Amino acid sequence: MAGLDWAGLLRVGLEGLRLSPDAFWRLTPAELRIMLGASAVSPLSRARLDELLRAYPDMRKDEDDG
């Protein structure tokens, strides 16, 4: 993945968080962000939900659903 400072992230994970290499590489990016102090992903807003509903509307039962 381009643009990430892997050496820096690994250094922080191993030295700062005191993780084993195996534990570091098993983390998801979201888990690493939280461990480094970033806030969790913001909750889904009503506006975003409405946007998703418009983009991906539910199908009626009588429509072909595959």
Protein backbone atom coordinates (compact mmCIF):
# COMPACT_ATOMS: atom_id res chain seq x y z
CA MET A 1 0.00 0.00 0.00
CA ALA A 2 1.66 3.23 -1.13
CA GLY A 3 1.92 6.28 1.06
CA LEU A 4 2.22 4.51 4.40
CA ASP A 5 5.32 4.80 6.52
CA TRP A 6 5.56 1.08 7.24
CA ALA A 7 8.91 1.40 9.01
CA GLY A 8 7.51 4.12 11.26
CA LEU A 9 4.31 2.20 11.96
CA LEU A 10 6.27 -0.93 12.77
CA ARG A 11 8.58 1.03 15.07
CA VAL A 12 5.62 2.52 16.95
CA GLY A 13 3.93 -0.87 17.15
CA LEU A 14 6.97 -2.74 18.41
CA GLU A 15 8.60 -0.08 20.57
CA GLY A 16 5.75 2.23 21.53
CA LEU A 17 2.93 -0.28 21.91
CA ARG A 18 5.30 -3.13 22.81
CA LEU A 19 3.61 -5.54 20.42
CA SER A 20 5.28 -8.67 19.13
CA PRO A 21 5.87 -8.67 15.37
CA ASP A 22 3.22 -11.37 15.00
CA ALA A 23 0.65 -9.31 16.97
CA PHE A 24 1.48 -6.20 14.93
CA TRP A 25 0.97 -7.90 11.55
CA ARG A 26 -2.30 -9.50 12.70
CA LEU A 27 -3.87 -6.11 13.50
CA THR A 28 -6.36 -4.62 11.11
CA PRO A 29 -5.73 -0.99 10.09
CA ALA A 30 -8.75 0.04 12.20
CA GLU A 31 -7.37 -1.73 15.28
CA LEU A 32 -3.97 -0.09 14.81
CA ARG A 33 -5.57 3.35 14.45
CA ILE A 34 -7.48 2.88 17.69
CA MET A 35 -4.39 1.64 19.53
CA LEU A 36 -2.51 4.71 18.32
CA GLY A 37 -5.18 6.99 19.76
CA ALA A 38 -7.30 7.80 16.72
CA SER A 39 -10.99 7.90 17.39
CA ALA A 40 -13.14 5.07 16.12
CA VAL A 41 -15.02 5.43 12.88
CA SER A 42 -17.82 7.95 13.17
CA PRO A 43 -21.34 6.55 13.28
CA LEU A 44 -23.53 6.48 10.19
CA SER A 45 -25.45 9.75 9.92
CA ARG A 46 -29.05 9.99 8.72
CA ALA A 47 -27.90 11.94 5.67
CA ARG A 48 -25.41 9.21 4.72
CA LEU A 49 -28.05 6.52 5.27
CA ASP A 50 -30.47 8.38 2.98
CA GLU A 51 -27.73 8.67 0.37
CA LEU A 52 -27.09 4.91 0.53
CA LEU A 53 -30.81 4.15 0.32
CA ARG A 54 -31.08 6.21 -2.86
CA ALA A 55 -28.03 4.54 -4.36
CA TYR A 56 -29.09 1.00 -3.40
CA PRO A 57 -32.89 0.86 -3.11
CA ASP A 58 -34.60 -2.26 -1.78
CA MET A 59 -36.28 -4.41 -4.38
CA ARG A 60 -39.94 -5.31 -4.14
CA LYS A 61 -40.84 -8.96 -3.64
CA ASP A 62 -42.34 -9.23 -7.14
CA GLU A 63 -39.11 -8.00 -8.79
CA ASP A 64 -36.54 -10.51 -9.94
CA ASP A 65 -34.06 -10.93 -7.12
CA GLY A 66 -31.83 -13.41 -8.84
